[in-house]
PDB file of N, CA and C in Angstrom:
ATOM      1  N   MET A   1     -50.227 -14.479  10.488  1.00  0.00           N
ATOM      2  CA  MET A   1     -50.315 -15.277   9.221  1.00  0.00           C
ATOM      3  C   MET A   1     -48.894 -15.866   8.939  1.00  0.00           C
ATOM      4  N   GLN A   2     -48.880 -17.174   8.615  1.00  0.00           N
ATOM      5  CA  GLN A   2     -47.519 -17.857   8.523  1.00  0.00           C
ATOM      6  C   GLN A   2     -47.145 -17.542   6.980  1.00  0.00           C
ATOM      7  N   PRO A   3     -45.844 -17.488   6.965  1.00  0.00           N
ATOM      8  CA  PRO A   3     -45.166 -17.376   5.460  1.00  0.00           C
ATOM      9  C   PRO A   3     -45.528 -18.741   4.800  1.00  0.00           C
ATOM     10  N   SER A   4     -45.752 -18.668   3.522  1.00  0.00           N
ATOM     11  CA  SER A   4     -46.046 -19.824   2.764  1.00  0.00           C
ATOM     12  C   SER A   4     -44.771 -20.446   2.225  1.00  0.00           C
ATOM     13  N   TYR A   5     -44.912 -21.732   2.062  1.00  0.00           N
ATOM     14  CA  TYR A   5     -43.652 -22.669   1.808  1.00  0.00           C
ATOM     15  C   TYR A   5     -42.963 -21.854   0.632  1.00  0.00           C
ATOM     16  N   LEU A   6     -43.464 -21.374  -0.332  1.00  0.00           N
ATOM     17  CA  LEU A   6     -43.041 -20.701  -1.465  1.00  0.00           C
ATOM     18  C   LEU A   6     -42.001 -19.613  -0.925  1.00  0.00           C
ATOM     19  N   HIS A   7     -42.491 -18.897  -0.089  1.00  0.00           N
ATOM     20  CA  HIS A   7     -41.579 -17.741   0.573  1.00  0.00           C
ATOM     21  C   HIS A   7     -40.377 -18.241   1.365  1.00  0.00           C
ATOM     22  N   LEU A   8     -40.559 -19.377   1.991  1.00  0.00           N
ATOM     23  CA  LEU A   8     -39.508 -19.932   2.977  1.00  0.00           C
ATOM     24  C   LEU A   8     -38.443 -20.557   1.693  1.00  0.00           C
ATOM     25  N   ILE A   9     -39.031 -21.232   0.830  1.00  0.00           N
ATOM     26  CA  ILE A   9     -37.965 -21.742  -0.471  1.00  0.00           C
ATOM     27  C   ILE A   9     -37.211 -20.561  -1.015  1.00  0.00           C
ATOM     28  N   ALA A  10     -37.845 -19.501  -1.327  1.00  0.00           N
ATOM     29  CA  ALA A  10     -37.207 -18.304  -1.923  1.00  0.00           C
ATOM     30  C   ALA A  10     -36.289 -17.772  -1.056  1.00  0.00           C
ATOM     31  N   TYR A  11     -36.469 -17.579   0.292  1.00  0.00           N
ATOM     32  CA  TYR A  11     -35.500 -17.127   1.214  1.00  0.00           C
ATOM     33  C   TYR A  11     -34.303 -18.041   1.399  1.00  0.00           C
ATOM     34  N   ALA A  12     -34.624 -19.440   1.419  1.00  0.00           N
ATOM     35  CA  ALA A  12     -33.568 -20.314   1.363  1.00  0.00           C
ATOM     36  C   ALA A  12     -32.481 -20.283   0.295  1.00  0.00           C
ATOM     37  N   PHE A  13     -33.190 -20.171  -0.981  1.00  0.00           N
ATOM     38  CA  PHE A  13     -32.447 -20.053  -2.137  1.00  0.00           C
ATOM     39  C   PHE A  13     -31.666 -18.880  -2.116  1.00  0.00           C
ATOM     40  N   ALA A  14     -32.158 -17.788  -1.669  1.00  0.00           N
ATOM     41  CA  ALA A  14     -31.480 -16.544  -1.677  1.00  0.00           C
ATOM     42  C   ALA A  14     -30.216 -16.623  -0.703  1.00  0.00           C
ATOM     43  N   LEU A  15     -30.388 -17.064   0.372  1.00  0.00           N
ATOM     44  CA  LEU A  15     -29.289 -17.448   1.356  1.00  0.00           C
ATOM     45  C   LEU A  15     -28.257 -18.365   0.712  1.00  0.00           C
ATOM     46  N   VAL A  16     -28.503 -19.424   0.070  1.00  0.00           N
ATOM     47  CA  VAL A  16     -27.590 -20.242  -0.423  1.00  0.00           C
ATOM     48  C   VAL A  16     -26.930 -19.571  -1.657  1.00  0.00           C
ATOM     49  N   CYS A  17     -27.375 -18.759  -2.346  1.00  0.00           N
ATOM     50  CA  CYS A  17     -26.704 -17.926  -3.439  1.00  0.00           C
ATOM     51  C   CYS A  17     -25.815 -17.015  -2.849  1.00  0.00           C
ATOM     52  N   LEU A  18     -26.132 -16.486  -1.725  1.00  0.00           N
ATOM     53  CA  LEU A  18     -25.246 -15.493  -0.945  1.00  0.00           C
ATOM     54  C   LEU A  18     -24.093 -16.012  -0.358  1.00  0.00           C
ATOM     55  N   CYS A  19     -24.231 -17.192   0.054  1.00  0.00           N
ATOM     56  CA  CYS A  19     -23.042 -17.985   0.644  1.00  0.00           C
ATOM     57  C   CYS A  19     -22.215 -18.609  -0.402  1.00  0.00           C
ATOM     58  N   ALA A  20     -22.863 -18.920  -1.541  1.00  0.00           N
ATOM     59  CA  ALA A  20     -21.994 -19.553  -2.532  1.00  0.00           C
ATOM     60  C   ALA A  20     -21.080 -18.308  -3.292  1.00  0.00           C
ATOM     61  N   CYS A  21     -21.432 -17.170  -3.108  1.00  0.00           N
ATOM     62  CA  CYS A  21     -20.568 -15.931  -3.752  1.00  0.00           C
ATOM     63  C   CYS A  21     -19.326 -15.889  -2.851  1.00  0.00           C
ATOM     64  N   GLU A  22     -19.276 -16.385  -1.618  1.00  0.00           N
ATOM     65  CA  GLU A  22     -18.207 -16.025  -0.885  1.00  0.00           C
ATOM     66  C   GLU A  22     -17.234 -17.270  -0.903  1.00  0.00           C
ATOM     67  N   ARG A  23     -17.501 -18.285  -1.750  1.00  0.00           N
ATOM     68  CA  ARG A  23     -16.700 -19.471  -1.779  1.00  0.00           C
ATOM     69  C   ARG A  23     -15.311 -19.075  -2.630  1.00  0.00           C
ATOM     70  N   ASP A  24     -14.206 -19.541  -2.085  1.00  0.00           N
ATOM     71  CA  ASP A  24     -12.968 -19.438  -2.670  1.00  0.00           C
ATOM     72  C   ASP A  24     -12.799 -20.443  -3.777  1.00  0.00           C
ATOM     73  N   THR A  25     -12.995 -19.929  -5.086  1.00  0.00           N
ATOM     74  CA  THR A  25     -12.868 -20.955  -6.223  1.00  0.00           C
ATOM     75  C   THR A  25     -11.242 -21.057  -6.594  1.00  0.00           C
ATOM     76  N   HIS A  26     -10.801 -22.122  -6.769  1.00  0.00           N
ATOM     77  CA  HIS A  26      -9.450 -22.395  -7.294  1.00  0.00           C
ATOM     78  C   HIS A  26      -9.303 -23.561  -8.124  1.00  0.00           C
ATOM     79  N   THR A  27      -8.384 -23.702  -9.000  1.00  0.00           N
ATOM     80  CA  THR A  27      -7.987 -24.751  -9.741  1.00  0.00           C
ATOM     81  C   THR A  27      -6.601 -25.287  -9.490  1.00  0.00           C
ATOM     82  N   THR A  28      -6.428 -26.620  -8.949  1.00  0.00           N
ATOM     83  CA  THR A  28      -5.151 -27.176  -8.839  1.00  0.00           C
ATOM     84  C   THR A  28      -4.622 -27.975 -10.033  1.00  0.00           C
ATOM     85  N   TRP A  29      -3.287 -27.738 -10.408  1.00  0.00           N
ATOM     86  CA  TRP A  29      -2.829 -28.481 -11.431  1.00  0.00           C
ATOM     87  C   TRP A  29      -1.763 -29.304 -11.190  1.00  0.00           C
ATOM     88  N   SER A  30      -1.400 -30.316 -11.786  1.00  0.00           N
ATOM     89  CA  SER A  30      -0.178 -31.153 -11.644  1.00  0.00           C
ATOM     90  C   SER A  30       0.767 -30.922 -12.805  1.00  0.00           C
ATOM     91  N   CYS A  31       1.942 -30.379 -12.629  1.00  0.00           N
ATOM     92  CA  CYS A  31       2.826 -30.071 -13.647  1.00  0.00           C
ATOM     93  C   CYS A  31       4.122 -30.908 -13.597  1.00  0.00           C
ATOM     94  N   ASN A  32       4.505 -31.284 -14.919  1.00  0.00           N
ATOM     95  CA  ASN A  32       5.838 -32.104 -14.942  1.00  0.00           C
ATOM     96  C   ASN A  32       6.695 -31.198 -16.194  1.00  0.00           C
ATOM     97  N   SER A  33       7.985 -31.477 -15.705  1.00  0.00           N
ATOM     98  CA  SER A  33       9.032 -30.997 -16.859  1.00  0.00           C
ATOM     99  C   SER A  33       9.984 -32.092 -17.052  1.00  0.00           C
ATOM    100  N   PRO A  34      11.100 -32.007 -17.854  1.00  0.00           N
ATOM    101  CA  PRO A  34      11.956 -32.985 -18.126  1.00  0.00           C
ATOM    102  C   PRO A  34      12.747 -33.201 -16.722  1.00  0.00           C
ATOM    103  N   THR A  35      12.777 -32.310 -15.974  1.00  0.00           N
ATOM    104  CA  THR A  35      13.818 -32.510 -14.654  1.00  0.00           C
ATOM    105  C   THR A  35      12.891 -32.707 -13.497  1.00  0.00           C
ATOM    106  N   GLU A  36      11.608 -32.297 -13.474  1.00  0.00           N
ATOM    107  CA  GLU A  36      10.719 -32.380 -12.340  1.00  0.00           C
ATOM    108  C   GLU A  36       9.452 -32.926 -12.479  1.00  0.00           C
ATOM    109  N   ALA A  37       8.951 -33.561 -11.639  1.00  0.00           N
ATOM    110  CA  ALA A  37       7.657 -34.442 -11.631  1.00  0.00           C
ATOM    111  C   ALA A  37       6.749 -33.988 -10.585  1.00  0.00           C
ATOM    112  N   LYS A  38       5.571 -33.881 -10.833  1.00  0.00           N
ATOM    113  CA  LYS A  38       4.509 -33.631  -9.958  1.00  0.00           C
ATOM    114  C   LYS A  38       4.636 -32.360  -9.171  1.00  0.00           C
ATOM    115  N   VAL A  39       4.834 -31.339  -9.813  1.00  0.00           N
ATOM    116  CA  VAL A  39       4.908 -29.879  -9.113  1.00  0.00           C
ATOM    117  C   VAL A  39       3.598 -29.425  -9.124  1.00  0.00           C
ATOM    118  N   SER A  40       3.024 -28.977  -7.902  1.00  0.00           N
ATOM    119  CA  SER A  40       1.658 -28.529  -7.897  1.00  0.00           C
ATOM    120  C   SER A  40       1.703 -27.101  -8.070  1.00  0.00           C
ATOM    121  N   MET A  41       0.724 -26.690  -8.951  1.00  0.00           N
ATOM    122  CA  MET A  41       0.438 -25.287  -9.152  1.00  0.00           C
ATOM    123  C   MET A  41      -1.013 -24.892  -8.809  1.00  0.00           C
ATOM    124  N   VAL A  42      -1.358 -23.893  -8.060  1.00  0.00           N
ATOM    125  CA  VAL A  42      -2.702 -23.521  -7.996  1.00  0.00           C
ATOM    126  C   VAL A  42      -3.123 -22.186  -8.500  1.00  0.00           C
ATOM    127  N   LEU A  43      -4.278 -22.121  -9.263  1.00  0.00           N
ATOM    128  CA  LEU A  43      -4.634 -20.666  -9.635  1.00  0.00           C
ATOM    129  C   LEU A  43      -5.781 -20.521  -8.626  1.00  0.00           C
ATOM    130  N   ARG A  44      -5.727 -19.322  -8.131  1.00  0.00           N
ATOM    131  CA  ARG A  44      -6.816 -19.013  -7.092  1.00  0.00           C
ATOM    132  C   ARG A  44      -7.194 -17.277  -7.450  1.00  0.00           C
ATOM    133  N   LYS A  45      -8.311 -17.158  -7.948  1.00  0.00           N
ATOM    134  CA  LYS A  45      -8.581 -15.732  -8.241  1.00  0.00           C
ATOM    135  C   LYS A  45      -7.447 -15.199  -9.184  1.00  0.00           C
ATOM    136  N   ALA A  46      -6.812 -14.133  -8.675  1.00  0.00           N
ATOM    137  CA  ALA A  46      -5.803 -13.494  -9.519  1.00  0.00           C
ATOM    138  C   ALA A  46      -4.430 -13.650  -9.182  1.00  0.00           C
ATOM    139  N   GLN A  47      -4.301 -14.978  -8.628  1.00  0.00           N
ATOM    140  CA  GLN A  47      -2.995 -15.366  -8.155  1.00  0.00           C
ATOM    141  C   GLN A  47      -2.591 -16.862  -8.660  1.00  0.00           C
ATOM    142  N   MET A  48      -1.292 -17.058  -8.723  1.00  0.00           N
ATOM    143  CA  MET A  48      -0.839 -18.417  -8.997  1.00  0.00           C
ATOM    144  C   MET A  48       0.096 -18.690  -7.953  1.00  0.00           C
ATOM    145  N   GLU A  49       0.025 -20.133  -7.265  1.00  0.00           N
ATOM    146  CA  GLU A  49       0.919 -20.456  -6.291  1.00  0.00           C
ATOM    147  C   GLU A  49       1.667 -21.675  -6.842  1.00  0.00           C
ATOM    148  N   LEU A  50       3.119 -21.541  -7.155  1.00  0.00           N
ATOM    149  CA  LEU A  50       3.832 -22.525  -7.702  1.00  0.00           C
ATOM    150  C   LEU A  50       5.174 -22.605  -6.858  1.00  0.00           C
ATOM    151  N   LYS A  51       5.349 -23.889  -6.394  1.00  0.00           N
ATOM    152  CA  LYS A  51       6.582 -24.191  -5.655  1.00  0.00           C
ATOM    153  C   LYS A  51       6.721 -23.211  -4.365  1.00  0.00           C
ATOM    154  N   ASP A  52       5.565 -22.876  -3.657  1.00  0.00           N
ATOM    155  CA  ASP A  52       5.793 -21.973  -2.541  1.00  0.00           C
ATOM    156  C   ASP A  52       6.005 -20.663  -2.928  1.00  0.00           C
ATOM    157  N   ILE A  53       5.834 -20.329  -4.192  1.00  0.00           N
ATOM    158  CA  ILE A  53       5.880 -18.859  -4.636  1.00  0.00           C
ATOM    159  C   ILE A  53       4.477 -18.491  -5.013  1.00  0.00           C
ATOM    160  N   ASN A  54       4.207 -17.282  -4.613  1.00  0.00           N
ATOM    161  CA  ASN A  54       2.963 -16.435  -4.940  1.00  0.00           C
ATOM    162  C   ASN A  54       3.278 -15.653  -5.893  1.00  0.00           C
ATOM    163  N   LEU A  55       2.444 -15.584  -7.077  1.00  0.00           N
ATOM    164  CA  LEU A  55       2.716 -14.810  -8.200  1.00  0.00           C
ATOM    165  C   LEU A  55       1.332 -14.106  -8.458  1.00  0.00           C
ATOM    166  N   ASP A  56       1.437 -12.849  -8.799  1.00  0.00           N
ATOM    167  CA  ASP A  56       0.336 -12.152  -9.135  1.00  0.00           C
ATOM    168  C   ASP A  56      -0.070 -12.119 -10.748  1.00  0.00           C
ATOM    169  N   TYR A  57      -1.306 -12.178 -11.016  1.00  0.00           N
ATOM    170  CA  TYR A  57      -1.750 -12.111 -12.405  1.00  0.00           C
ATOM    171  C   TYR A  57      -1.359 -10.779 -13.124  1.00  0.00           C
ATOM    172  N   CYS A  58      -0.682 -10.793 -14.137  1.00  0.00           N
ATOM    173  CA  CYS A  58      -0.384  -9.489 -14.765  1.00  0.00           C
ATOM    174  C   CYS A  58      -1.065  -9.074 -15.948  1.00  0.00           C
ATOM    175  N   GLY A  59      -1.928 -10.071 -16.562  1.00  0.00           N
ATOM    176  CA  GLY A  59      -2.700  -9.702 -17.653  1.00  0.00           C
ATOM    177  C   GLY A  59      -2.629 -10.960 -18.610  1.00  0.00           C
ATOM    178  N   SER A  60      -3.485 -10.888 -19.724  1.00  0.00           N
ATOM    179  CA  SER A  60      -3.546 -11.905 -20.960  1.00  0.00           C
ATOM    180  C   SER A  60      -3.303 -11.266 -22.100  1.00  0.00           C
ATOM    181  N   LEU A  61      -2.666 -11.915 -23.010  1.00  0.00           N
ATOM    182  CA  LEU A  61      -2.614 -11.493 -24.400  1.00  0.00           C
ATOM    183  C   LEU A  61      -2.921 -12.806 -25.143  1.00  0.00           C
ATOM    184  N   GLY A  62      -4.231 -12.764 -25.803  1.00  0.00           N
ATOM    185  CA  GLY A  62      -4.768 -13.830 -26.703  1.00  0.00           C
ATOM    186  C   GLY A  62      -4.960 -14.980 -25.590  1.00  0.00           C
ATOM    187  N   ASN A  63      -4.264 -16.357 -25.827  1.00  0.00           N
ATOM    188  CA  ASN A  63      -4.698 -17.312 -24.984  1.00  0.00           C
ATOM    189  C   ASN A  63      -3.755 -17.497 -23.657  1.00  0.00           C
ATOM    190  N   GLN A  64      -2.588 -16.625 -23.820  1.00  0.00           N
ATOM    191  CA  GLN A  64      -1.544 -16.764 -22.665  1.00  0.00           C
ATOM    192  C   GLN A  64      -2.019 -15.909 -21.599  1.00  0.00           C
ATOM    193  N   SER A  65      -1.990 -16.299 -20.297  1.00  0.00           N
ATOM    194  CA  SER A  65      -2.004 -15.569 -19.122  1.00  0.00           C
ATOM    195  C   SER A  65      -0.723 -15.315 -18.599  1.00  0.00           C
ATOM    196  N   TYR A  66      -0.362 -14.030 -17.969  1.00  0.00           N
ATOM    197  CA  TYR A  66       1.036 -13.892 -17.493  1.00  0.00           C
ATOM    198  C   TYR A  66       0.975 -13.636 -16.035  1.00  0.00           C
ATOM    199  N   PHE A  67       2.063 -14.001 -15.331  1.00  0.00           N
ATOM    200  CA  PHE A  67       2.088 -13.954 -13.772  1.00  0.00           C
ATOM    201  C   PHE A  67       3.544 -13.682 -13.473  1.00  0.00           C
ATOM    202  N   ASP A  68       3.845 -12.965 -12.370  1.00  0.00           N
ATOM    203  CA  ASP A  68       5.043 -12.439 -11.873  1.00  0.00           C
ATOM    204  C   ASP A  68       4.894 -12.122 -10.414  1.00  0.00           C
ATOM    205  N   GLN A  69       6.026 -12.064  -9.625  1.00  0.00           N
ATOM    206  CA  GLN A  69       5.995 -11.578  -8.355  1.00  0.00           C
ATOM    207  C   GLN A  69       5.580 -10.025  -8.172  1.00  0.00           C
ATOM    208  N   LYS A  70       6.277  -9.339  -9.230  1.00  0.00           N
ATOM    209  CA  LYS A  70       5.972  -7.926  -9.396  1.00  0.00           C
ATOM    210  C   LYS A  70       5.901  -7.881 -10.829  1.00  0.00           C
ATOM    211  N   CYS A  71       4.543  -7.340 -11.413  1.00  0.00           N
ATOM    212  CA  CYS A  71       4.162  -7.275 -12.717  1.00  0.00           C
ATOM    213  C   CYS A  71       5.093  -6.222 -13.453  1.00  0.00           C
ATOM    214  N   PRO A  72       5.716  -6.572 -14.652  1.00  0.00           N
ATOM    215  CA  PRO A  72       6.404  -5.506 -15.383  1.00  0.00           C
ATOM    216  C   PRO A  72       5.504  -4.615 -16.058  1.00  0.00           C
ATOM    217  N   ALA A  73       6.154  -3.438 -16.709  1.00  0.00           N
ATOM    218  CA  ALA A  73       5.125  -2.440 -17.400  1.00  0.00           C
ATOM    219  C   ALA A  73       4.569  -3.134 -18.749  1.00  0.00           C
ATOM    220  N   LEU A  74       5.263  -4.124 -19.393  1.00  0.00           N
ATOM    221  CA  LEU A  74       4.829  -4.798 -20.489  1.00  0.00           C
ATOM    222  C   LEU A  74       4.434  -6.299 -20.056  1.00  0.00           C
ATOM    223  N   THR A  75       3.064  -6.622 -20.208  1.00  0.00           N
ATOM    224  CA  THR A  75       2.552  -7.858 -19.781  1.00  0.00           C
ATOM    225  C   THR A  75       3.431  -8.969 -20.230  1.00  0.00           C
ATOM    226  N   GLN A  76       3.899  -8.950 -21.444  1.00  0.00           N
ATOM    227  CA  GLN A  76       4.609 -10.198 -22.054  1.00  0.00           C
ATOM    228  C   GLN A  76       5.992 -10.376 -21.463  1.00  0.00           C
ATOM    229  N   ASP A  77       6.471  -9.470 -20.697  1.00  0.00           N
ATOM    230  CA  ASP A  77       7.810  -9.450 -19.964  1.00  0.00           C
ATOM    231  C   ASP A  77       7.745 -10.213 -18.690  1.00  0.00           C
ATOM    232  N   SER A  78       6.458 -10.756 -18.295  1.00  0.00           N
ATOM    233  CA  SER A  78       6.317 -11.262 -17.022  1.00  0.00           C
ATOM    234  C   SER A  78       7.111 -12.643 -17.173  1.00  0.00           C
ATOM    235  N   ARG A  79       7.455 -13.181 -15.853  1.00  0.00           N
ATOM    236  CA  ARG A  79       8.559 -14.411 -15.869  1.00  0.00           C
ATOM    237  C   ARG A  79       7.767 -15.633 -16.082  1.00  0.00           C
ATOM    238  N   TYR A  80       6.384 -15.593 -15.923  1.00  0.00           N
ATOM    239  CA  TYR A  80       5.673 -16.934 -16.017  1.00  0.00           C
ATOM    240  C   TYR A  80       4.471 -16.818 -16.963  1.00  0.00           C
ATOM    241  N   GLU A  81       4.442 -17.579 -17.993  1.00  0.00           N
ATOM    242  CA  GLU A  81       3.499 -17.447 -19.087  1.00  0.00           C
ATOM    243  C   GLU A  81       2.754 -18.872 -19.044  1.00  0.00           C
ATOM    244  N   PHE A  82       1.398 -18.825 -19.005  1.00  0.00           N
ATOM    245  CA  PHE A  82       0.552 -20.087 -18.787  1.00  0.00           C
ATOM    246  C   PHE A  82      -0.474 -20.095 -19.823  1.00  0.00           C
ATOM    247  N   THR A  83      -0.708 -21.154 -20.520  1.00  0.00           N
ATOM    248  CA  THR A  83      -1.617 -21.419 -21.637  1.00  0.00           C
ATOM    249  C   THR A  83      -2.674 -22.424 -20.954  1.00  0.00           C
ATOM    250  N   PRO A  84      -3.787 -22.088 -20.274  1.00  0.00           N
ATOM    251  CA  PRO A  84      -4.656 -22.923 -19.728  1.00  0.00           C
ATOM    252  C   PRO A  84      -5.246 -24.012 -20.805  1.00  0.00           C
ATOM    253  N   SER A  85      -5.538 -23.611 -22.107  1.00  0.00           N
ATOM    254  CA  SER A  85      -6.113 -24.716 -22.872  1.00  0.00           C
ATOM    255  C   SER A  85      -5.299 -25.725 -23.418  1.00  0.00           C
ATOM    256  N   SER A  86      -3.785 -25.552 -23.265  1.00  0.00           N
ATOM    257  CA  SER A  86      -2.750 -26.634 -23.530  1.00  0.00           C
ATOM    258  C   SER A  86      -2.185 -27.050 -22.427  1.00  0.00           C
ATOM    259  N   GLY A  87      -2.374 -26.299 -21.208  1.00  0.00           N
ATOM    260  CA  GLY A  87      -1.638 -26.698 -20.059  1.00  0.00           C
ATOM    261  C   GLY A  87      -0.135 -26.409 -19.927  1.00  0.00           C
ATOM    262  N   VAL A  88       0.287 -25.534 -20.844  1.00  0.00           N
ATOM    263  CA  VAL A  88       1.766 -25.281 -21.009  1.00  0.00           C
ATOM    264  C   VAL A  88       2.124 -24.059 -20.054  1.00  0.00           C
ATOM    265  N   LEU A  89       3.057 -24.189 -19.119  1.00  0.00           N
ATOM    266  CA  LEU A  89       3.633 -23.273 -18.282  1.00  0.00           C
ATOM    267  C   LEU A  89       5.030 -22.969 -18.585  1.00  0.00           C
ATOM    268  N   LYS A  90       5.393 -21.810 -19.106  1.00  0.00           N
ATOM    269  CA  LYS A  90       6.710 -21.591 -19.325  1.00  0.00           C
ATOM    270  C   LYS A  90       7.279 -20.472 -18.245  1.00  0.00           C
ATOM    271  N   THR A  91       8.405 -20.805 -17.751  1.00  0.00           N
ATOM    272  CA  THR A  91       9.121 -19.854 -16.964  1.00  0.00           C
ATOM    273  C   THR A  91      10.448 -19.605 -17.590  1.00  0.00           C
ATOM    274  N   GLY A  92      11.195 -18.678 -16.880  1.00  0.00           N
ATOM    275  CA  GLY A  92      12.468 -18.276 -17.483  1.00  0.00           C
ATOM    276  C   GLY A  92      13.440 -19.482 -17.649  1.00  0.00           C
ATOM    277  N   SER A  93      13.440 -20.525 -16.756  1.00  0.00           N
ATOM    278  CA  SER A  93      14.337 -21.514 -16.709  1.00  0.00           C
ATOM    279  C   SER A  93      13.807 -22.792 -17.111  1.00  0.00           C
ATOM    280  N   GLN A  94      12.496 -22.926 -17.129  1.00  0.00           N
ATOM    281  CA  GLN A  94      11.860 -24.350 -17.240  1.00  0.00           C
ATOM    282  C   GLN A  94      10.503 -24.329 -17.906  1.00  0.00           C
ATOM    283  N   ASP A  95      10.076 -25.291 -18.695  1.00  0.00           N
ATOM    284  CA  ASP A  95       8.823 -25.433 -19.324  1.00  0.00           C
ATOM    285  C   ASP A  95       8.054 -26.621 -18.698  1.00  0.00           C
ATOM    286  N   TYR A  96       6.934 -26.455 -18.459  1.00  0.00           N
ATOM    287  CA  TYR A  96       6.019 -27.499 -17.881  1.00  0.00           C
ATOM    288  C   TYR A  96       4.923 -27.931 -18.517  1.00  0.00           C
ATOM    289  N   GLN A  97       4.433 -29.077 -18.401  1.00  0.00           N
ATOM    290  CA  GLN A  97       3.276 -29.681 -18.940  1.00  0.00           C
ATOM    291  C   GLN A  97       2.248 -29.864 -17.967  1.00  0.00           C
ATOM    292  N   CYS A  98       1.310 -29.308 -17.840  1.00  0.00           N
ATOM    293  CA  CYS A  98       0.343 -29.143 -16.544  1.00  0.00           C
ATOM    294  C   CYS A  98      -1.157 -29.834 -17.061  1.00  0.00           C
ATOM    295  N   ALA A  99      -1.766 -30.516 -16.071  1.00  0.00           N
ATOM    296  CA  ALA A  99      -2.935 -30.985 -16.071  1.00  0.00           C
ATOM    297  C   ALA A  99      -3.801 -30.666 -14.931  1.00  0.00           C
ATOM    298  N   ALA A 100      -5.067 -30.183 -15.302  1.00  0.00           N
ATOM    299  CA  ALA A 100      -5.873 -29.869 -14.245  1.00  0.00           C
ATOM    300  C   ALA A 100      -6.379 -31.091 -13.402  1.00  0.00           C
ATOM    301  N   LEU A 101      -6.328 -30.915 -11.995  1.00  0.00           N
ATOM    302  CA  LEU A 101      -6.843 -32.132 -11.218  1.00  0.00           C
ATOM    303  C   LEU A 101      -8.324 -31.991 -11.030  1.00  0.00           C
TER     304      LEU A 101
END
């Protein structure tokens, strides 16, 4: 007995769903500051890539997400603060305005 088309479609759908789970999702942002233009930032899973620096996600407080190379004991003491809703990225030495690409 041959499997029905409905079974084949169900198997194909399940296979597509399983493959989609393995996809690496990321968001690329273009950031500008008063002294720098077009700095690329990538948010991938629990990491931020900014100017060839890999930063770990340290946590969130309200709308702000915090990143650092080594997370401090207090989340708000992280060196990088990002607010996705406004696109503002604050670092110890520079503030950027970012837009998702």
